[in-house]
Amino acid sequence: MDIKTLLGQYKDGTVDLETVLSSLSTHEMDDLGFAKIDLSRRVRTGIPEVIYASGKTPEQVEKIALRMYNQKQDILATRVEPQVFEVIKKSIPELVYNPLSKTMVYQPVKPVQKSGAICVVTAGTSDIPVAEEAAITAEYLGNKVISVYDVGVAGIHRLFRSIEQIREARVIIVVAGMEGALASVVGGLVDKPIIGVPTSIGYGANFGGLSALLSMLNSCASGISVVNIDNGFGAACQAHLINT
């Protein structure tokens, strides 16, 4: 059933509002052939369609972004290399690029911020790119973000100086490479849900983030969940749903 027919039936009273919303959230899609843009994802899941740029050609990312732009959709793209952004900004000059997080955003009207905050904490400065992906995603979704960077266990006094600020948040994202111990330490100091993000930062025995991942998964602190290595975006989405 097309949208025009569906809305006509709603106007006539032959279908109810719940049926309309359910149908729209299931069927609203823009097919580009190489990609199918889920325009109703936000209605259905609370998280809008987001472009994962890695592995796509600049032309593919541009076509997806331009179609979303023409559909008056907000745009968030992650893992966008600078050369890809250079191509796309010619079509959409309003895009804002963050070279640290490699995110690209078009959002002319900022959403009303939720009452609760999400705190993004990093163990080291080298973990900040992943943390920034989480922070920008969380802000894009309408959350207030508190950033506390470079407070890892090698200088744990730095964490104690910021602990009251961290405790103000409703959800805490802890981003750490090396041995990934910071998630457990924070978990023993706060009464809020914690999402651990292991990063690929570390020397050889870090195994590209595997050591941090296993440390976080084996944490003895309660209330910690863990996303995949370097997945700041996934952590932000989970934190957003908790903060909703």
Protein backbone atom coordinates (compact mmCIF):
# COMPACT_ATOMS: atom_id res chain seq x y z
CA MET A 1 0.00 0.00 0.00
CA ASP A 2 1.46 3.42 -0.92
CA ILE A 3 1.64 6.28 1.58
CA LYS A 4 -1.02 8.37 -0.20
CA THR A 5 -3.58 5.54 0.00
CA LEU A 6 -2.67 4.82 3.61
CA LEU A 7 -3.13 8.45 4.66
CA GLY A 8 -6.43 8.59 2.76
CA GLN A 9 -7.68 5.61 4.73
CA TYR A 10 -6.59 7.25 7.96
CA LYS A 11 -8.46 10.42 6.99
CA ASP A 12 -11.58 8.36 6.25
CA GLY A 13 -11.29 6.58 9.57
CA THR A 14 -10.82 3.09 8.09
CA VAL A 15 -7.37 2.66 9.69
CA ASP A 16 -6.13 3.92 13.04
CA LEU A 17 -3.03 5.96 13.84
CA GLU A 18 -1.06 2.98 15.15
CA THR A 19 -1.53 1.16 11.84
CA VAL A 20 -0.31 4.20 9.93
CA LEU A 21 2.78 4.63 12.10
CA SER A 22 3.58 0.92 11.92
CA SER A 23 3.28 0.89 8.14
CA LEU A 24 5.39 4.01 7.69
CA SER A 25 8.10 2.74 10.00
CA THR A 26 8.30 -0.53 8.10
CA HIS A 27 8.11 0.56 4.47
CA GLU A 28 9.64 4.01 4.05
CA MET A 29 12.84 3.29 2.11
CA ASP A 30 14.79 4.95 -0.68
CA ASP A 31 16.40 2.41 -3.01
CA LEU A 32 19.55 3.60 -4.81
CA GLY A 33 20.35 0.16 -6.16
CA PHE A 34 23.70 -0.16 -4.37
CA ALA A 35 22.17 1.10 -1.11
CA LYS A 36 18.75 1.15 0.52
CA ILE A 37 18.28 4.19 2.74
CA ASP A 38 16.08 3.42 5.73
CA LEU A 39 14.22 6.70 6.11
CA SER A 40 12.00 5.44 8.91
CA ARG A 41 14.70 3.91 11.10
CA ARG A 42 14.39 6.69 13.69
CA VAL A 43 10.64 6.09 14.10
CA ARG A 44 11.13 2.35 14.40
CA THR A 45 14.28 2.15 16.56
CA GLY A 46 15.00 5.58 18.03
CA ILE A 47 18.26 5.78 16.04
CA PRO A 48 18.19 7.38 12.55
CA GLU A 49 19.90 6.04 9.44
CA VAL A 50 23.65 6.67 9.64
CA ILE A 51 26.22 6.34 6.84
CA TYR A 52 29.19 4.07 7.54
CA ALA A 53 31.63 5.45 4.97
CA SER A 54 34.47 2.96 5.32
CA GLY A 55 34.52 0.52 2.39
CA LYS A 56 32.30 2.73 0.23
CA THR A 57 33.59 4.77 -2.69
CA PRO A 58 33.45 8.57 -2.40
CA GLU A 59 30.79 8.57 -5.11
CA GLN A 60 28.62 6.09 -3.19
CA VAL A 61 28.86 8.10 0.03
CA GLU A 62 28.07 11.27 -1.91
CA LYS A 63 24.97 9.78 -3.55
CA ILE A 64 23.63 8.48 -0.23
CA ALA A 65 24.31 11.77 1.56
CA LEU A 66 22.84 13.84 -1.27
CA ARG A 67 19.67 11.74 -1.36
CA MET A 68 19.24 12.12 2.40
CA TYR A 69 19.88 15.86 2.08
CA ASN A 70 17.25 16.18 -0.65
CA GLN A 71 14.82 14.21 1.51
CA LYS A 72 15.41 16.80 4.26
CA GLN A 73 17.01 14.19 6.49
CA ASP A 74 19.74 14.94 9.00
CA ILE A 75 23.05 13.33 8.06
CA LEU A 76 25.66 11.62 10.19
CA ALA A 77 28.47 9.70 8.52
CA THR A 78 31.25 7.89 10.38
CA ARG A 79 34.72 6.76 9.30
CA VAL A 80 34.89 9.45 6.63
CA GLU A 81 38.40 9.97 5.27
CA PRO A 82 39.38 13.59 4.46
CA GLN A 83 39.53 12.92 0.72
CA VAL A 84 35.97 11.57 0.80
CA PHE A 85 34.73 14.67 2.58
CA GLU A 86 36.46 16.88 -0.01
CA VAL A 87 34.34 15.23 -2.71
CA ILE A 88 31.03 15.44 -0.84
CA LYS A 89 31.31 19.01 0.47
CA LYS A 90 31.06 20.26 -3.13
CA SER A 91 27.50 18.90 -3.24
CA ILE A 92 26.57 19.72 0.38
CA PRO A 93 28.59 22.73 1.58
CA GLU A 94 26.74 22.79 4.94
CA LEU A 95 28.35 19.55 6.06
CA VAL A 96 30.58 19.84 9.13
CA TYR A 97 33.63 17.58 9.21
CA ASN A 98 35.63 16.57 12.27
CA PRO A 99 39.03 15.22 11.13
CA LEU A 100 39.79 13.76 14.57
CA SER A 101 36.70 11.57 14.81
CA LYS A 102 36.33 11.30 11.00
CA THR A 103 32.64 12.15 11.27
CA MET A 104 30.55 14.27 8.93
CA VAL A 105 27.36 15.96 10.11
CA TYR A 106 24.52 17.92 8.55
CA GLN A 107 21.94 18.92 11.14
CA PRO A 108 20.45 22.39 10.56
CA VAL A 109 18.16 22.15 13.60
CA LYS A 110 19.74 20.74 16.73
CA PRO A 111 17.44 18.41 18.71
CA VAL A 112 16.32 19.45 22.18
CA GLN A 113 18.84 18.06 24.63
CA LYS A 114 17.71 15.38 27.04
CA SER A 115 17.79 16.15 30.75
CA GLY A 116 20.39 13.49 31.46
CA ALA A 117 24.00 13.66 30.29
CA ILE A 118 26.40 11.13 28.78
CA CYS A 119 29.99 11.32 30.02
CA VAL A 120 32.73 10.14 27.67
CA VAL A 121 35.94 9.25 29.50
CA THR A 122 39.26 8.24 27.95
CA ALA A 123 42.26 6.54 29.46
CA GLY A 124 44.73 8.34 27.19
CA THR A 125 45.02 11.09 24.62
CA SER A 126 45.49 8.48 21.89
CA ASP A 127 41.98 7.16 22.64
CA ILE A 128 40.36 10.52 21.88
CA PRO A 129 39.49 9.86 18.19
CA VAL A 130 37.23 6.95 19.23
CA ALA A 131 35.85 9.01 22.11
CA GLU A 132 35.08 11.90 19.76
CA GLU A 133 33.15 9.55 17.47
CA ALA A 134 31.06 8.63 20.52
CA ALA A 135 30.67 12.23 21.68
CA ILE A 136 29.62 13.60 18.29
CA THR A 137 27.18 10.73 17.76
CA ALA A 138 25.64 11.27 21.19
CA GLU A 139 25.27 15.02 20.60
CA TYR A 140 23.77 14.39 17.17
CA LEU A 141 21.14 12.18 18.80
CA GLY A 142 20.21 14.96 21.23
CA ASN A 143 22.27 14.24 24.34
CA LYS A 144 24.32 16.56 26.50
CA VAL A 145 27.89 15.27 26.52
CA ILE A 146 30.55 15.69 29.21
CA SER A 147 34.07 14.89 28.04
CA VAL A 148 36.79 13.82 30.49
CA TYR A 149 39.97 12.88 28.65
CA ASP A 150 43.35 11.41 29.62
CA VAL A 151 42.54 10.06 33.09
CA GLY A 152 43.91 6.54 32.77
CA VAL A 153 45.15 4.28 35.54
CA ALA A 154 48.83 5.09 34.93
CA GLY A 155 48.11 8.42 36.65
CA ILE A 156 44.98 7.57 38.59
CA HIS A 157 45.03 10.83 40.59
CA ARG A 158 43.81 12.53 37.39
CA LEU A 159 40.65 10.41 37.50
CA PHE A 160 39.93 11.32 41.12
CA ARG A 161 40.08 15.01 40.26
CA SER A 162 37.25 14.51 37.73
CA ILE A 163 35.17 11.86 39.48
CA GLU A 164 32.41 14.24 40.66
CA GLN A 165 32.00 15.52 37.10
CA ILE A 166 31.74 11.93 35.85
CA ARG A 167 29.15 11.08 38.50
CA GLU A 168 26.88 13.86 37.20
CA ALA A 169 26.13 11.83 34.06
CA ARG A 170 23.32 9.35 33.63
CA VAL A 171 25.45 7.05 31.46
CA ILE A 172 29.24 6.77 31.22
CA ILE A 173 31.24 5.67 28.19
CA VAL A 174 34.79 4.59 29.07
CA VAL A 175 37.22 4.45 26.15
CA ALA A 176 40.55 2.71 26.79
CA GLY A 177 43.28 0.87 24.95
CA MET A 178 46.42 -0.82 26.31
CA GLU A 179 45.13 -3.14 29.09
CA GLY A 180 41.68 -1.50 29.24
CA ALA A 181 41.64 -1.30 33.05
CA LEU A 182 39.92 2.08 33.30
CA ALA A 183 36.41 0.66 32.79
CA SER A 184 36.76 -1.52 35.89
CA VAL A 185 38.17 1.33 37.98
CA VAL A 186 35.34 3.69 37.03
CA GLY A 187 32.88 0.87 37.61
CA GLY A 188 34.00 0.66 41.23
CA LEU A 189 33.45 4.39 41.81
CA VAL A 190 30.05 5.20 40.29
CA ASP A 191 26.44 4.00 40.45
CA LYS A 192 25.67 4.60 36.75
CA PRO A 193 25.65 2.20 33.78
CA ILE A 194 29.03 2.04 32.04
CA ILE A 195 29.69 1.18 28.42
CA GLY A 196 33.27 0.10 27.81
CA VAL A 197 34.89 0.81 24.45
CA PRO A 198 38.20 -1.01 23.99
CA THR A 199 40.50 0.69 21.48
CA SER A 200 43.22 -0.66 19.23
CA ILE A 201 45.75 1.65 20.89
CA GLY A 202 48.69 -0.22 22.41
CA TYR A 203 51.93 -2.09 21.81
CA GLY A 204 52.22 -5.51 20.16
CA ALA A 205 50.74 -7.66 22.93
CA ASN A 206 47.66 -5.42 22.86
CA PHE A 207 46.77 -7.42 19.70
CA GLY A 208 44.96 -4.52 18.07
CA GLY A 209 42.64 -3.97 21.02
CA LEU A 210 41.99 -7.60 21.93
CA SER A 211 43.68 -7.31 25.32
CA ALA A 212 41.53 -4.30 26.24
CA LEU A 213 38.41 -6.05 24.99
CA LEU A 214 39.08 -9.16 27.08
CA SER A 215 39.90 -7.06 30.16
CA MET A 216 36.61 -5.19 29.90
CA LEU A 217 34.62 -8.37 29.25
CA ASN A 218 36.21 -9.96 32.31
CA SER A 219 35.68 -6.93 34.56
CA CYS A 220 34.81 -7.75 38.17
CA ALA A 221 32.97 -4.41 38.50
CA SER A 222 29.21 -4.65 38.08
CA GLY A 223 27.15 -2.62 35.65
CA ILE A 224 29.61 -2.69 32.74
CA SER A 225 28.66 -3.63 29.20
CA VAL A 226 31.16 -3.68 26.34
CA VAL A 227 31.00 -2.88 22.62
CA ASN A 228 33.42 -3.88 19.90
CA ILE A 229 36.93 -2.52 19.48
CA ASP A 230 37.01 1.17 18.43
CA ASN A 231 33.19 1.26 18.23
CA GLY A 232 32.52 4.72 19.63
CA PHE A 233 29.41 5.00 17.47
CA GLY A 234 27.85 1.84 18.90
CA ALA A 235 28.57 2.94 22.45
CA ALA A 236 26.91 6.31 21.84
CA CYS A 237 23.78 4.68 20.40
CA GLN A 238 23.46 2.39 23.42
CA ALA A 239 24.04 5.29 25.80
CA HIS A 240 21.42 7.35 23.96
CA LEU A 241 18.80 4.62 24.35
CA ILE A 242 19.58 4.36 28.07
CA ASN A 243 19.32 8.16 28.37
CA THR A 244 15.97 8.27 26.54
